[in-house]
Amino acid sequence: MNDFQFSESQWRKSSRSADTANCVEVAIDHDSVGVRDSKSSDDGVLIFSARRWLDFVGFVGGEDS
């Protein structure tokens, strides 16, 4: 996997981030999730499997997966 696979993806930013510069953007591509810094979007993408991303979101949200 590489960040090229997200070049055509729709990147989404949290609605809770408002106008602050301290946020990340997320894109979903088939079975993987890309995460990047919204203020430095050309600096690369962290790529996670969809399963690991769900584990992370569940942990942060206080849910058991």
Protein backbone atom coordinates (compact mmCIF):
# COMPACT_ATOMS: atom_id res chain seq x y z
CA MET A 1 0.00 0.00 0.00
CA ASN A 2 1.16 3.53 -0.66
CA ASP A 3 -0.27 7.03 -0.44
CA PHE A 4 -0.82 7.11 -4.23
CA GLN A 5 -3.84 4.86 -3.75
CA PHE A 6 -5.54 7.75 -1.92
CA SER A 7 -4.84 10.36 -4.61
CA GLU A 8 -8.42 10.17 -5.91
CA SER A 9 -10.06 9.58 -2.54
CA GLN A 10 -12.32 12.02 -0.77
CA TRP A 11 -10.56 13.25 2.35
CA ARG A 12 -12.74 14.06 5.36
CA LYS A 13 -11.98 16.20 8.38
CA SER A 14 -13.81 15.92 11.69
CA SER A 15 -16.73 18.31 12.09
CA ARG A 16 -15.42 18.97 15.60
CA SER A 17 -12.13 20.36 14.32
CA ALA A 18 -13.82 23.65 13.30
CA ASP A 19 -11.18 26.07 12.00
CA THR A 20 -8.25 24.86 14.07
CA ALA A 21 -5.06 23.76 12.35
CA ASN A 22 -4.56 20.80 14.70
CA CYS A 23 -6.47 18.07 12.93
CA VAL A 24 -6.11 15.11 10.63
CA GLU A 25 -8.01 14.02 7.55
CA VAL A 26 -9.17 10.48 6.82
CA ALA A 27 -9.84 8.74 3.49
CA ILE A 28 -11.24 5.25 2.94
CA ASP A 29 -10.10 3.15 -0.02
CA HIS A 30 -11.54 -0.38 -0.25
CA ASP A 31 -9.98 -2.26 2.68
CA SER A 32 -7.60 0.43 3.97
CA VAL A 33 -7.78 3.84 5.63
CA GLY A 34 -5.40 6.73 5.04
CA VAL A 35 -4.71 9.40 7.66
CA ARG A 36 -2.83 12.64 6.98
CA ASP A 37 -2.09 15.97 8.63
CA SER A 38 -4.58 18.50 7.26
CA LYS A 39 -2.09 21.38 7.27
CA SER A 40 0.67 19.30 5.61
CA SER A 41 -1.31 17.08 3.26
CA ASP A 42 1.63 16.60 0.87
CA ASP A 43 3.90 15.18 3.59
CA GLY A 44 2.60 11.63 3.38
CA VAL A 45 -0.13 9.32 4.56
CA LEU A 46 -0.32 6.80 7.38
CA ILE A 47 -2.11 3.71 6.09
CA PHE A 48 -4.06 1.28 8.26
CA SER A 49 -6.11 -1.78 7.46
CA ALA A 50 -9.84 -1.16 7.84
CA ARG A 51 -9.93 -3.65 10.76
CA ARG A 52 -7.15 -1.88 12.67
CA TRP A 53 -8.81 1.50 12.06
CA LEU A 54 -12.10 0.17 13.50
CA ASP A 55 -10.18 -1.14 16.52
CA PHE A 56 -8.62 2.30 17.03
CA VAL A 57 -11.90 4.20 16.65
CA GLY A 58 -13.62 1.78 19.02
CA PHE A 59 -10.86 2.21 21.61
CA VAL A 60 -10.90 6.01 21.38
CA GLY A 61 -14.69 6.02 21.53
CA GLY A 62 -14.71 3.72 24.57
CA GLU A 63 -16.33 0.78 22.78
CA ASP A 64 -15.22 -2.83 22.83
CA SER A 65 -14.45 -4.31 19.42
